[in-house]
Amino acid sequence: MTLRVALLAAAIALPGEACAKEELWTGAGASGSLGGDWRGSVDGIARFGDGGLYEWVASVAVGRRLDDHATLWAGYVYKTAYADHASLVEQRLREEISLDDVARIGPVRIGGRLRTEQRWREATPGLGWRVRSQLRLTLPLRRDGPALVAGAEGFFNLDRWGGQRAGYERIRESIGVQIPLMRKVRLDLGYLRQWTRATPIANAATMTLSYRW
């Protein structure tokens, strides 16, 4: 009886995964000191689906280091999404606190971030507020060498303005490896699973090149 129940549950769950989207997410970024405790970063992301490029995101941020583990950031994001031979522009202001190596479980380092965003889209009235919280785990494989990483990030919309729906909207779960290529250059390769309310699940291969000045 237990086996039949398990098989029935699996049969019900399979259709949701069957319509999942297969994607490729690529990115490049640079970050480093602006002098003293000030930090800067710039990033670009391009996302590809079955029809090719469907979204690109560019961002810039300035941060101030509070201590060895915490940094406050403020930034700007410009996103263009493509669908049905048309494009839609979204802009955001963002504020966040990032936490690095704030605790450890054996060799695993724990970090994360808490981000707030104010979003506005062309031809859509109002300013949408969103909160994003991320947990990140890092397992170094050797000193100054590759590391395994895993993370989860939840998205919560605080209102219905700016073309968004209020409430819990999305979660991204990821796993991958960080590979130092040179002293200041790193390649991140991984897999990301994104669930968004009322939208097919996205399974994405991810590849990001990072430079630290």
Protein backbone atom coordinates (compact mmCIF):
# COMPACT_ATOMS: atom_id res chain seq x y z
CA MET A 1 0.00 0.00 0.00
CA THR A 2 2.81 2.36 0.89
CA LEU A 3 4.49 1.66 -2.46
CA ARG A 4 1.28 2.45 -4.34
CA VAL A 5 0.91 5.75 -2.51
CA ALA A 6 4.52 6.65 -3.32
CA LEU A 7 4.05 5.80 -7.00
CA LEU A 8 0.85 7.86 -7.13
CA ALA A 9 2.60 10.85 -5.54
CA ALA A 10 5.43 10.56 -8.03
CA ALA A 11 3.00 10.41 -10.93
CA ILE A 12 1.27 13.57 -9.73
CA ALA A 13 4.57 15.40 -9.28
CA LEU A 14 6.10 14.45 -12.63
CA PRO A 15 4.03 16.71 -14.91
CA GLY A 16 5.31 19.84 -13.15
CA GLU A 17 8.92 18.84 -13.88
CA ALA A 18 8.06 17.61 -17.38
CA CYS A 19 7.25 21.16 -18.50
CA ALA A 20 10.42 22.61 -16.94
CA LYS A 21 12.46 25.00 -19.06
CA GLU A 22 16.10 24.26 -19.88
CA GLU A 23 18.24 27.39 -19.83
CA LEU A 24 21.78 28.78 -19.82
CA TRP A 25 22.70 31.70 -17.55
CA THR A 26 26.02 33.45 -18.17
CA GLY A 27 27.58 36.30 -16.29
CA ALA A 28 30.67 38.43 -15.81
CA GLY A 29 31.57 40.81 -13.03
CA ALA A 30 34.29 42.78 -11.31
CA SER A 31 34.61 44.04 -7.75
CA GLY A 32 37.19 45.44 -5.40
CA SER A 33 38.36 48.28 -3.20
CA LEU A 34 37.62 51.94 -3.94
CA GLY A 35 39.90 53.04 -1.13
CA GLY A 36 39.64 52.54 2.62
CA ASP A 37 36.49 50.62 3.58
CA TRP A 38 34.70 51.48 0.33
CA ARG A 39 33.95 48.78 -2.23
CA GLY A 40 32.63 48.79 -5.79
CA SER A 41 31.14 46.18 -8.11
CA VAL A 42 29.78 45.93 -11.64
CA ASP A 43 28.00 42.89 -13.11
CA GLY A 44 26.34 41.69 -16.29
CA ILE A 45 24.09 38.65 -16.76
CA ALA A 46 22.69 37.14 -19.98
CA ARG A 47 20.02 34.42 -19.83
CA PHE A 48 19.24 32.12 -22.74
CA GLY A 49 16.28 29.79 -23.36
CA ASP A 50 14.99 27.73 -26.27
CA GLY A 51 14.51 30.89 -28.33
CA GLY A 52 17.93 32.36 -27.59
CA LEU A 53 18.62 35.42 -25.45
CA TYR A 54 15.52 36.33 -23.45
CA GLU A 55 16.92 38.56 -20.70
CA TRP A 56 19.99 40.58 -19.79
CA VAL A 57 20.75 42.41 -16.58
CA ALA A 58 23.40 45.04 -15.83
CA SER A 59 24.12 46.35 -12.34
CA VAL A 60 26.50 48.61 -10.47
CA ALA A 61 26.89 49.04 -6.70
CA VAL A 62 28.95 50.84 -4.07
CA GLY A 63 29.51 49.33 -0.65
CA ARG A 64 31.06 50.13 2.70
CA ARG A 65 32.76 47.39 4.68
CA LEU A 66 31.61 47.25 8.30
CA ASP A 67 34.05 44.58 9.49
CA ASP A 68 35.75 41.42 8.24
CA HIS A 69 32.39 39.74 7.61
CA ALA A 70 29.74 42.37 6.74
CA THR A 71 29.37 44.95 3.96
CA LEU A 72 26.53 47.39 3.26
CA TRP A 73 25.71 47.98 -0.42
CA ALA A 74 23.57 50.33 -2.50
CA GLY A 75 23.17 49.94 -6.24
CA TYR A 76 21.25 50.28 -9.49
CA VAL A 77 20.00 47.56 -11.86
CA TYR A 78 18.86 47.80 -15.50
CA LYS A 79 17.11 44.76 -16.99
CA THR A 80 15.75 44.12 -20.49
CA ALA A 81 13.47 41.13 -21.16
CA TYR A 82 12.55 39.94 -24.65
CA ALA A 83 9.30 38.15 -25.57
CA ASP A 84 7.03 38.02 -28.63
CA HIS A 85 9.36 40.23 -30.70
CA ALA A 86 9.13 43.01 -28.09
CA SER A 87 11.28 44.18 -25.17
CA LEU A 88 10.40 45.31 -21.66
CA VAL A 89 12.71 47.43 -19.54
CA GLU A 90 12.80 47.18 -15.74
CA GLN A 91 14.92 49.36 -13.47
CA ARG A 92 15.70 48.86 -9.79
CA LEU A 93 17.32 50.50 -6.83
CA ARG A 94 18.71 48.04 -4.33
CA GLU A 95 20.13 48.02 -0.82
CA GLU A 96 21.70 45.02 0.88
CA ILE A 97 23.86 43.72 3.65
CA SER A 98 26.17 40.88 2.62
CA LEU A 99 27.65 38.48 5.16
CA ASP A 100 30.75 36.35 4.49
CA ASP A 101 32.05 33.50 6.63
CA VAL A 102 29.89 34.52 9.60
CA ALA A 103 29.80 30.96 10.99
CA ARG A 104 31.15 27.50 10.24
CA ILE A 105 29.97 23.91 10.44
CA GLY A 106 33.23 21.99 10.37
CA PRO A 107 34.97 23.10 7.15
CA VAL A 108 31.77 24.56 5.65
CA ARG A 109 31.60 28.36 5.67
CA ILE A 110 28.20 30.05 6.04
CA GLY A 111 27.31 33.34 4.41
CA GLY A 112 24.41 35.12 2.80
CA ARG A 113 22.76 38.44 2.12
CA LEU A 114 19.54 40.37 2.72
CA ARG A 115 18.48 42.67 -0.13
CA THR A 116 15.63 45.13 -0.64
CA GLU A 117 14.65 46.36 -4.10
CA GLN A 118 12.45 49.10 -5.51
CA ARG A 119 11.36 48.17 -9.04
CA TRP A 120 9.69 50.12 -11.82
CA ARG A 121 8.84 49.01 -15.36
CA GLU A 122 8.06 51.00 -18.48
CA ALA A 123 4.33 51.41 -19.20
CA THR A 124 3.52 50.05 -15.71
CA PRO A 125 2.44 52.43 -12.91
CA GLY A 126 3.84 52.41 -9.41
CA LEU A 127 6.97 51.33 -7.59
CA GLY A 128 7.19 47.69 -6.50
CA TRP A 129 9.03 46.75 -3.30
CA ARG A 130 10.69 43.35 -2.97
CA VAL A 131 12.81 41.56 -0.36
CA ARG A 132 15.35 38.86 -1.23
CA SER A 133 17.13 36.69 1.34
CA GLN A 134 19.96 34.33 0.45
CA LEU A 135 21.81 31.59 2.34
CA ARG A 136 25.14 30.41 0.95
CA LEU A 137 27.40 27.48 1.95
CA THR A 138 31.01 27.16 0.81
CA LEU A 139 33.29 24.13 1.20
CA PRO A 140 36.91 24.84 0.20
CA LEU A 141 38.57 21.77 -1.30
CA ARG A 142 42.07 23.11 -0.67
CA ARG A 143 43.69 26.37 0.33
CA ASP A 144 43.44 28.94 -2.49
CA GLY A 145 41.94 26.23 -4.68
CA PRO A 146 38.50 25.12 -5.91
CA ALA A 147 35.48 25.21 -3.61
CA LEU A 148 32.04 23.63 -3.67
CA VAL A 149 29.16 26.06 -3.19
CA ALA A 150 25.43 25.70 -2.55
CA GLY A 151 22.77 28.32 -1.99
CA ALA A 152 19.10 29.19 -1.79
CA GLU A 153 17.45 32.58 -2.31
CA GLY A 154 13.82 33.49 -1.65
CA PHE A 155 11.92 36.42 -3.23
CA PHE A 156 9.01 38.11 -1.45
CA ASN A 157 6.97 40.94 -3.02
CA LEU A 158 5.67 43.47 -0.51
CA ASP A 159 3.00 45.07 -2.70
CA ARG A 160 1.20 44.92 -6.07
CA TRP A 161 2.81 47.96 -7.68
CA GLY A 162 5.24 47.94 -10.58
CA GLY A 163 3.55 45.01 -12.30
CA GLN A 164 4.30 42.49 -9.55
CA ARG A 165 2.10 40.21 -7.45
CA ALA A 166 2.20 40.52 -3.67
CA GLY A 167 3.48 37.60 -1.61
CA TYR A 168 6.03 34.82 -1.93
CA GLU A 169 7.09 34.86 -5.57
CA ARG A 170 10.21 32.80 -6.25
CA ILE A 171 13.02 30.61 -4.94
CA ARG A 172 16.35 29.83 -6.53
CA GLU A 173 18.38 26.81 -5.42
CA SER A 174 21.89 26.32 -6.72
CA ILE A 175 24.95 24.10 -6.45
CA GLY A 176 28.29 24.42 -8.17
CA VAL A 177 32.05 24.81 -8.02
CA GLN A 178 34.31 27.87 -7.85
CA ILE A 179 37.55 27.50 -9.83
CA PRO A 180 40.42 30.01 -9.49
CA LEU A 181 41.89 30.62 -12.95
CA MET A 182 44.43 33.25 -11.96
CA ARG A 183 45.20 35.17 -8.80
CA LYS A 184 42.35 37.66 -9.37
CA VAL A 185 40.12 35.71 -11.78
CA ARG A 186 37.57 33.03 -10.86
CA LEU A 187 35.18 30.85 -12.86
CA ASP A 188 31.91 29.65 -11.28
CA LEU A 189 30.16 26.66 -12.89
CA GLY A 190 26.92 25.21 -11.58
CA TYR A 191 23.31 24.20 -11.77
CA LEU A 192 20.37 26.39 -10.69
CA ARG A 193 16.73 25.46 -10.21
CA GLN A 194 14.23 28.32 -10.17
CA TRP A 195 10.62 28.04 -9.06
CA THR A 196 8.39 31.03 -9.79
CA ARG A 197 4.72 31.23 -8.91
CA ALA A 198 2.44 30.21 -11.83
CA THR A 199 5.46 29.69 -14.11
CA PRO A 200 7.22 26.50 -15.31
CA ILE A 201 10.31 25.56 -13.33
CA ALA A 202 13.60 26.68 -14.89
CA ASN A 203 16.62 24.36 -14.84
CA ALA A 204 19.69 26.39 -15.73
CA ALA A 205 23.35 25.67 -16.30
CA THR A 206 25.27 28.64 -14.92
CA MET A 207 28.66 30.06 -15.84
CA THR A 208 30.12 33.25 -14.32
CA LEU A 209 33.53 34.85 -14.73
CA SER A 210 34.63 37.15 -11.91
CA TYR A 211 37.54 39.56 -11.56
CA ARG A 212 38.66 41.14 -8.29
CA TRP A 213 40.79 44.26 -8.53
